[in-house]
Amino acid sequence: MTLDAINHLSPADFIAQFGEIAEHAPWVAEQAASQRPFADGEAMVAAFQSAVLAADETRQLELLRAHPDLAGKAAVAGELTDDSRQEQAGAGLGSLTPDEYAGFHAMNDRYRARFGIPFILAVKGAGKQQILDSFASRVNGTQREEHLTALAQVLRIIRFRLEARIGESL
């Protein structure tokens, strides 16, 4: 889809096309739509990212909590969004051994118990070991550090998802 076509979508069509860019948070696309017309792809990315950063802490926490655990129960049950499923499969999380799955499950539980949010990592280009290493390095951080790190990862996910949807327009 070209940037010109994106700029001319009705608000409803824009949200239908981009409402899941931020996991289960169509309000991000609603906010981004109000920034049109986008001068270029970077402006589009910035509009989505700005919507997340401008949100109050409660809304940001809702967004973070809407993310699925990596290799978690939603993945096993086939309940991931298409974007999450593709991203996790691309990182090798769709083909874990039972022991690897148990390890991810334990790390997810430990992280969630400590911070109250799922472990969020933009897994594009990462492998299983890199993801586990990130778990290990982040699980001992502070609440504030992890909130900021998780938000930064959401911003990376938004960029990657927009690039996947509209590619060379960015």
Foldseek 3Di string as FASTA:
>chain_A
DALVVLLPDDLVVQLVQCCPLQPVHNVLSSQLNVPDPQPFPVSSLVSSLVSLVPDDPVVVQVSQQSDDAQLDPCQVVVNGDPLSVVQSVQQVSNPDDPVLSVVSHVLQVLQCVQAVGGQAARRVVHHSVVVVVVSVVPSPDDNVVRSVVNSVRSSVSSVVVSCVSPPPRD
